């Protein structure tokens, strides 16, 4: 296994980050909550605060307003992509603002992560395998949020293209159907 990087923090989305109705939907990062740890389960994620409170992520199939599509139970983002987003769009794009659950500081080129065949998180002595890791497609509301003030349709199109291919993050599923696993800052991400 090759180490990709170290998890810096974990977070959940208490509610959808997109509000309103098309074509006037807007991106609102307020439902994001950094938590002490998360529990990865076949149906999605539950966040656990420092006080032990359990909060269900909006992509968990049992959330009352679930945004689960079957391929987005878990999401992973990289600090390096946030650096690139800030360079292009500005400092309002703080680490994790796109809503990924697991934020990683990579020690290798991110193309190495994207080209892997198998993905793992190591928590203490546990090895957690992730399946169906795919780039998260960027959405128009987040693209407009990146731009702050979109000048024209071409700006939004260029932003959507920039955020594609994993810059906006990755989705994954848990490989172990009947189990749940803890993930927290300090854990490591590996590929094979």
C-alpha atoms as a PDB file:
ATOM      1  CA  UNK A   1       0.000   0.000   0.000  1.00  0.00           C
ATOM      2  CA  UNK A   2       1.123   3.557  -0.742  1.00  0.00           C
ATOM      3  CA  UNK A   3       0.357   6.351   1.683  1.00  0.00           C
ATOM      4  CA  UNK A   4      -1.503   9.269   0.103  1.00  0.00           C
ATOM      5  CA  UNK A   5      -1.773  11.499   3.151  1.00  0.00           C
ATOM      6  CA  UNK A   6      -3.119  12.220   6.607  1.00  0.00           C
ATOM      7  CA  UNK A   7      -6.694  13.149   7.486  1.00  0.00           C
ATOM      8  CA  UNK A   8      -6.742  16.700   8.872  1.00  0.00           C
ATOM      9  CA  UNK A   9     -10.388  16.886   9.941  1.00  0.00           C
ATOM     10  CA  UNK A  10     -13.779  15.263   9.431  1.00  0.00           C
ATOM     11  CA  UNK A  11     -17.144  16.931   9.025  1.00  0.00           C
ATOM     12  CA  UNK A  12     -20.768  16.306   8.192  1.00  0.00           C
ATOM     13  CA  UNK A  13     -23.533  18.137   6.398  1.00  0.00           C
ATOM     14  CA  UNK A  14     -26.473  18.456   8.779  1.00  0.00           C
ATOM     15  CA  UNK A  15     -28.742  19.533   5.896  1.00  0.00           C
ATOM     16  CA  UNK A  16     -28.361  20.129   2.164  1.00  0.00           C
ATOM     17  CA  UNK A  17     -25.884  22.860   1.253  1.00  0.00           C
ATOM     18  CA  UNK A  18     -28.038  23.844  -1.717  1.00  0.00           C
ATOM     19  CA  UNK A  19     -31.163  25.816  -0.933  1.00  0.00           C
ATOM     20  CA  UNK A  20     -33.992  27.213  -3.008  1.00  0.00           C
ATOM     21  CA  UNK A  21     -35.586  26.002  -6.216  1.00  0.00           C
ATOM     22  CA  UNK A  22     -34.107  25.907  -9.729  1.00  0.00           C
ATOM     23  CA  UNK A  23     -33.139  28.143 -11.385  1.00  0.00           C
ATOM     24  CA  UNK A  24     -32.560  30.184  -8.213  1.00  0.00           C
ATOM     25  CA  UNK A  25     -30.744  27.611  -6.084  1.00  0.00           C
ATOM     26  CA  UNK A  26     -27.836  28.923  -4.045  1.00  0.00           C
ATOM     27  CA  UNK A  27     -25.032  27.356  -2.076  1.00  0.00           C
ATOM     28  CA  UNK A  28     -25.033  27.815   1.701  1.00  0.00           C
ATOM     29  CA  UNK A  29     -22.210  26.181   3.723  1.00  0.00           C
ATOM     30  CA  UNK A  30     -23.836  26.852   7.134  1.00  0.00           C
ATOM     31  CA  UNK A  31     -25.054  23.241   7.652  1.00  0.00           C
ATOM     32  CA  UNK A  32     -21.408  22.035   7.688  1.00  0.00           C
ATOM     33  CA  UNK A  33     -20.187  20.864  11.074  1.00  0.00           C
ATOM     34  CA  UNK A  34     -16.658  19.755  11.953  1.00  0.00           C
ATOM     35  CA  UNK A  35     -16.888  16.787  14.313  1.00  0.00           C
ATOM     36  CA  UNK A  36     -14.502  14.786  16.492  1.00  0.00           C
ATOM     37  CA  UNK A  37     -14.961  11.623  14.441  1.00  0.00           C
ATOM     38  CA  UNK A  38     -17.287  10.003  11.955  1.00  0.00           C
ATOM     39  CA  UNK A  39     -18.742   6.505  11.748  1.00  0.00           C
ATOM     40  CA  UNK A  40     -18.670   5.067   8.239  1.00  0.00           C
ATOM     41  CA  UNK A  41     -21.544   2.644   7.695  1.00  0.00           C
ATOM     42  CA  UNK A  42     -23.007   0.940   4.638  1.00  0.00           C
ATOM     43  CA  UNK A  43     -25.877   3.471   4.618  1.00  0.00           C
ATOM     44  CA  UNK A  44     -23.715   6.590   5.100  1.00  0.00           C
ATOM     45  CA  UNK A  45     -22.050   8.594   7.837  1.00  0.00           C
ATOM     46  CA  UNK A  46     -22.865   9.659  11.371  1.00  0.00           C
ATOM     47  CA  UNK A  47     -20.786  12.424  12.955  1.00  0.00           C
ATOM     48  CA  UNK A  48     -19.801  12.265  16.614  1.00  0.00           C
ATOM     49  CA  UNK A  49     -19.035  15.524  18.414  1.00  0.00           C
ATOM     50  CA  UNK A  50     -16.512  15.985  21.217  1.00  0.00           C
ATOM     51  CA  UNK A  51     -19.362  15.664  23.730  1.00  0.00           C
ATOM     52  CA  UNK A  52     -20.490  12.363  22.162  1.00  0.00           C
ATOM     53  CA  UNK A  53     -23.566  13.722  20.359  1.00  0.00           C
ATOM     54  CA  UNK A  54     -24.385  11.732  17.211  1.00  0.00           C
ATOM     55  CA  UNK A  55     -25.549  13.656  14.147  1.00  0.00           C
ATOM     56  CA  UNK A  56     -26.589  12.001  10.905  1.00  0.00           C
ATOM     57  CA  UNK A  57     -25.062  13.281   7.648  1.00  0.00           C
ATOM     58  CA  UNK A  58     -27.462  14.420   4.918  1.00  0.00           C
ATOM     59  CA  UNK A  59     -26.085  11.745   2.562  1.00  0.00           C
ATOM     60  CA  UNK A  60     -26.995   8.921   4.940  1.00  0.00           C
ATOM     61  CA  UNK A  61     -29.969   6.999   3.531  1.00  0.00           C
ATOM     62  CA  UNK A  62     -31.855   7.398   6.845  1.00  0.00           C
ATOM     63  CA  UNK A  63     -31.531  11.211   7.056  1.00  0.00           C
ATOM     64  CA  UNK A  64     -35.025  12.764   6.907  1.00  0.00           C
ATOM     65  CA  UNK A  65     -33.975  14.924   3.929  1.00  0.00           C
ATOM     66  CA  UNK A  66     -31.499  12.439   2.477  1.00  0.00           C
ATOM     67  CA  UNK A  67     -29.454  13.527  -0.532  1.00  0.00           C
ATOM     68  CA  UNK A  68     -28.152   9.972  -1.045  1.00  0.00           C
ATOM     69  CA  UNK A  69     -27.948   8.895  -4.683  1.00  0.00           C
ATOM     70  CA  UNK A  70     -26.367   5.506  -4.057  1.00  0.00           C
ATOM     71  CA  UNK A  71     -22.838   6.592  -4.991  1.00  0.00           C
ATOM     72  CA  UNK A  72     -22.223   9.478  -2.561  1.00  0.00           C
ATOM     73  CA  UNK A  73     -22.304   7.934   0.935  1.00  0.00           C
ATOM     74  CA  UNK A  74     -18.767   9.152   1.744  1.00  0.00           C
ATOM     75  CA  UNK A  75     -16.850  12.116   0.322  1.00  0.00           C
ATOM     76  CA  UNK A  76     -13.154  12.953   0.383  1.00  0.00           C
ATOM     77  CA  UNK A  77     -11.431  16.272  -0.312  1.00  0.00           C
ATOM     78  CA  UNK A  78      -7.813  17.407  -0.374  1.00  0.00           C
ATOM     79  CA  UNK A  79      -6.163  20.511   1.079  1.00  0.00           C
ATOM     80  CA  UNK A  80      -4.114  20.849  -2.110  1.00  0.00           C
ATOM     81  CA  UNK A  81      -7.296  21.285  -4.169  1.00  0.00           C
ATOM     82  CA  UNK A  82      -8.497  23.956  -1.749  1.00  0.00           C
ATOM     83  CA  UNK A  83      -5.187  25.793  -2.272  1.00  0.00           C
ATOM     84  CA  UNK A  84      -5.833  25.687  -6.042  1.00  0.00           C
ATOM     85  CA  UNK A  85      -9.444  26.870  -5.597  1.00  0.00           C
ATOM     86  CA  UNK A  86      -8.352  29.778  -3.368  1.00  0.00           C
ATOM     87  CA  UNK A  87      -5.679  30.769  -5.867  1.00  0.00           C
ATOM     88  CA  UNK A  88      -8.262  30.924  -8.640  1.00  0.00           C
ATOM     89  CA  UNK A  89     -11.377  32.181  -6.811  1.00  0.00           C
ATOM     90  CA  UNK A  90     -10.384  33.757  -3.487  1.00  0.00           C
ATOM     91  CA  UNK A  91      -9.978  33.257   0.241  1.00  0.00           C
ATOM     92  CA  UNK A  92     -13.700  32.665   0.883  1.00  0.00           C
ATOM     93  CA  UNK A  93     -13.044  29.030  -0.156  1.00  0.00           C
ATOM     94  CA  UNK A  94     -11.915  27.761   3.222  1.00  0.00           C
ATOM     95  CA  UNK A  95     -10.775  24.169   3.689  1.00  0.00           C
ATOM     96  CA  UNK A  96     -13.754  21.800   3.533  1.00  0.00           C
ATOM     97  CA  UNK A  97     -16.308  24.383   2.367  1.00  0.00           C
ATOM     98  CA  UNK A  98     -17.369  22.154  -0.558  1.00  0.00           C
ATOM     99  CA  UNK A  99     -18.753  19.753   2.061  1.00  0.00           C
ATOM    100  CA  UNK A 100     -16.560  16.656   1.864  1.00  0.00           C
ATOM    101  CA  UNK A 101     -16.647  14.437   4.954  1.00  0.00           C
ATOM    102  CA  UNK A 102     -12.931  13.606   5.050  1.00  0.00           C
ATOM    103  CA  UNK A 103     -10.303  16.290   4.408  1.00  0.00           C
ATOM    104  CA  UNK A 104      -6.820  14.962   3.627  1.00  0.00           C
ATOM    105  CA  UNK A 105      -3.399  16.589   3.386  1.00  0.00           C
ATOM    106  CA  UNK A 106      -1.784  14.659   0.517  1.00  0.00           C
ATOM    107  CA  UNK A 107       1.915  13.816   0.469  1.00  0.00           C
ATOM    108  CA  UNK A 108       1.909  12.829  -3.219  1.00  0.00           C
ATOM    109  CA  UNK A 109       0.557  14.215  -6.477  1.00  0.00           C
ATOM    110  CA  UNK A 110      -3.223  13.843  -6.519  1.00  0.00           C
ATOM    111  CA  UNK A 111      -3.064  12.141  -9.919  1.00  0.00           C
ATOM    112  CA  UNK A 112      -1.615   9.174  -8.011  1.00  0.00           C
ATOM    113  CA  UNK A 113      -4.811   8.994  -5.929  1.00  0.00           C
ATOM    114  CA  UNK A 114      -7.071   9.297  -8.976  1.00  0.00           C
ATOM    115  CA  UNK A 115      -5.320   6.474 -10.842  1.00  0.00           C
ATOM    116  CA  UNK A 116      -5.433   3.891  -8.027  1.00  0.00           C
ATOM    117  CA  UNK A 117      -7.418   0.670  -8.138  1.00  0.00           C
ATOM    118  CA  UNK A 118      -8.008   0.216  -4.396  1.00  0.00           C
ATOM    119  CA  UNK A 119      -8.472   2.741  -1.582  1.00  0.00           C
ATOM    120  CA  UNK A 120      -8.055   2.343   2.174  1.00  0.00           C
ATOM    121  CA  UNK A 121      -8.211   4.348   5.384  1.00  0.00           C
ATOM    122  CA  UNK A 122      -6.174   3.202   8.357  1.00  0.00           C
ATOM    123  CA  UNK A 123      -7.651   4.002  11.780  1.00  0.00           C
ATOM    124  CA  UNK A 124      -5.411   2.737  14.575  1.00  0.00           C
ATOM    125  CA  UNK A 125      -4.967  -0.938  13.584  1.00  0.00           C
ATOM    126  CA  UNK A 126      -8.124  -1.151  11.435  1.00  0.00           C
ATOM    127  CA  UNK A 127      -7.929  -1.079   7.650  1.00  0.00           C
ATOM    128  CA  UNK A 128     -11.118   0.253   6.035  1.00  0.00           C
ATOM    129  CA  UNK A 129     -11.577  -0.361   2.323  1.00  0.00           C
ATOM    130  CA  UNK A 130     -13.491   2.076   0.132  1.00  0.00           C
ATOM    131  CA  UNK A 131     -15.138   1.094  -3.150  1.00  0.00           C
ATOM    132  CA  UNK A 132     -16.462   2.908  -6.209  1.00  0.00           C
ATOM    133  CA  UNK A 133     -14.244   5.970  -5.680  1.00  0.00           C
ATOM    134  CA  UNK A 134     -15.230   8.520  -8.330  1.00  0.00           C
ATOM    135  CA  UNK A 135     -14.759  12.268  -8.834  1.00  0.00           C
ATOM    136  CA  UNK A 136     -17.653  14.266  -7.359  1.00  0.00           C
ATOM    137  CA  UNK A 137     -19.283  16.251 -10.150  1.00  0.00           C
ATOM    138  CA  UNK A 138     -19.378  19.987  -9.383  1.00  0.00           C
ATOM    139  CA  UNK A 139     -22.761  21.685  -9.262  1.00  0.00           C
ATOM    140  CA  UNK A 140     -23.843  25.092 -10.526  1.00  0.00           C
ATOM    141  CA  UNK A 141     -24.683  26.530  -7.050  1.00  0.00           C
ATOM    142  CA  UNK A 142     -21.200  25.730  -5.709  1.00  0.00           C
ATOM    143  CA  UNK A 143     -19.606  27.075  -8.893  1.00  0.00           C
ATOM    144  CA  UNK A 144     -21.492  30.344  -8.471  1.00  0.00           C
ATOM    145  CA  UNK A 145     -20.428  30.425  -4.790  1.00  0.00           C
ATOM    146  CA  UNK A 146     -16.803  30.064  -5.930  1.00  0.00           C
ATOM    147  CA  UNK A 147     -17.157  33.001  -8.300  1.00  0.00           C
ATOM    148  CA  UNK A 148     -18.863  35.235  -5.703  1.00  0.00           C
ATOM    149  CA  UNK A 149     -20.250  37.388  -8.541  1.00  0.00           C
ATOM    150  CA  UNK A 150     -20.520  35.437 -11.802  1.00  0.00           C
ATOM    151  CA  UNK A 151     -20.093  37.797 -14.719  1.00  0.00           C
ATOM    152  CA  UNK A 152     -21.507  35.577 -17.444  1.00  0.00           C
ATOM    153  CA  UNK A 153     -22.466  32.035 -18.409  1.00  0.00           C
ATOM    154  CA  UNK A 154     -18.916  31.401 -19.695  1.00  0.00           C
ATOM    155  CA  UNK A 155     -17.549  32.094 -16.180  1.00  0.00           C
ATOM    156  CA  UNK A 156     -19.800  29.404 -14.711  1.00  0.00           C
ATOM    157  CA  UNK A 157     -18.903  26.925 -17.466  1.00  0.00           C
ATOM    158  CA  UNK A 158     -15.159  27.511 -16.919  1.00  0.00           C
ATOM    159  CA  UNK A 159     -15.639  27.087 -13.156  1.00  0.00           C
ATOM    160  CA  UNK A 160     -17.525  23.806 -13.587  1.00  0.00           C
ATOM    161  CA  UNK A 161     -14.696  22.562 -15.814  1.00  0.00           C
ATOM    162  CA  UNK A 162     -12.030  23.639 -13.303  1.00  0.00           C
ATOM    163  CA  UNK A 163     -13.836  21.856 -10.439  1.00  0.00           C
ATOM    164  CA  UNK A 164     -14.197  18.590 -12.410  1.00  0.00           C
ATOM    165  CA  UNK A 165     -11.939  15.520 -12.283  1.00  0.00           C
ATOM    166  CA  UNK A 166     -11.678  15.423  -8.491  1.00  0.00           C
ATOM    167  CA  UNK A 167     -10.889  19.068  -7.709  1.00  0.00           C
ATOM    168  CA  UNK A 168     -14.336  19.304  -6.086  1.00  0.00           C
ATOM    169  CA  UNK A 169     -13.619  16.011  -4.261  1.00  0.00           C
ATOM    170  CA  UNK A 170     -14.417  12.317  -4.556  1.00  0.00           C
ATOM    171  CA  UNK A 171     -17.323  10.074  -3.617  1.00  0.00           C
ATOM    172  CA  UNK A 172     -16.872   6.581  -2.208  1.00  0.00           C
ATOM    173  CA  UNK A 173     -18.767   3.675  -0.711  1.00  0.00           C
ATOM    174  CA  UNK A 174     -17.831   1.457   2.211  1.00  0.00           C
ATOM    175  CA  UNK A 175     -16.598  -1.974   1.101  1.00  0.00           C
ATOM    176  CA  UNK A 176     -17.767  -3.789   4.234  1.00  0.00           C
ATOM    177  CA  UNK A 177     -21.549  -4.223   4.132  1.00  0.00           C
ATOM    178  CA  UNK A 178     -22.307  -5.279   7.696  1.00  0.00           C
ATOM    179  CA  UNK A 179     -19.730  -3.230   9.599  1.00  0.00           C
ATOM    180  CA  UNK A 180     -19.117   0.333  10.750  1.00  0.00           C
ATOM    181  CA  UNK A 181     -15.783   2.040  11.247  1.00  0.00           C
ATOM    182  CA  UNK A 182     -14.495   5.132  13.020  1.00  0.00           C
ATOM    183  CA  UNK A 183     -12.465   7.739  11.118  1.00  0.00           C
ATOM    184  CA  UNK A 184     -10.904  10.873  12.618  1.00  0.00           C
ATOM    185  CA  UNK A 185      -8.108  13.400  12.215  1.00  0.00           C
ATOM    186  CA  UNK A 186      -4.706  11.717  12.223  1.00  0.00           C
ATOM    187  CA  UNK A 187      -5.900   8.619  10.343  1.00  0.00           C
ATOM    188  CA  UNK A 188      -4.195   7.881   7.045  1.00  0.00           C
ATOM    189  CA  UNK A 189      -5.374   7.379   3.464  1.00  0.00           C
ATOM    190  CA  UNK A 190      -3.702   4.707   1.332  1.00  0.00           C
ATOM    191  CA  UNK A 191      -4.019   3.331  -2.186  1.00  0.00           C
ATOM    192  CA  UNK A 192      -2.963   0.100  -3.832  1.00  0.00           C
END
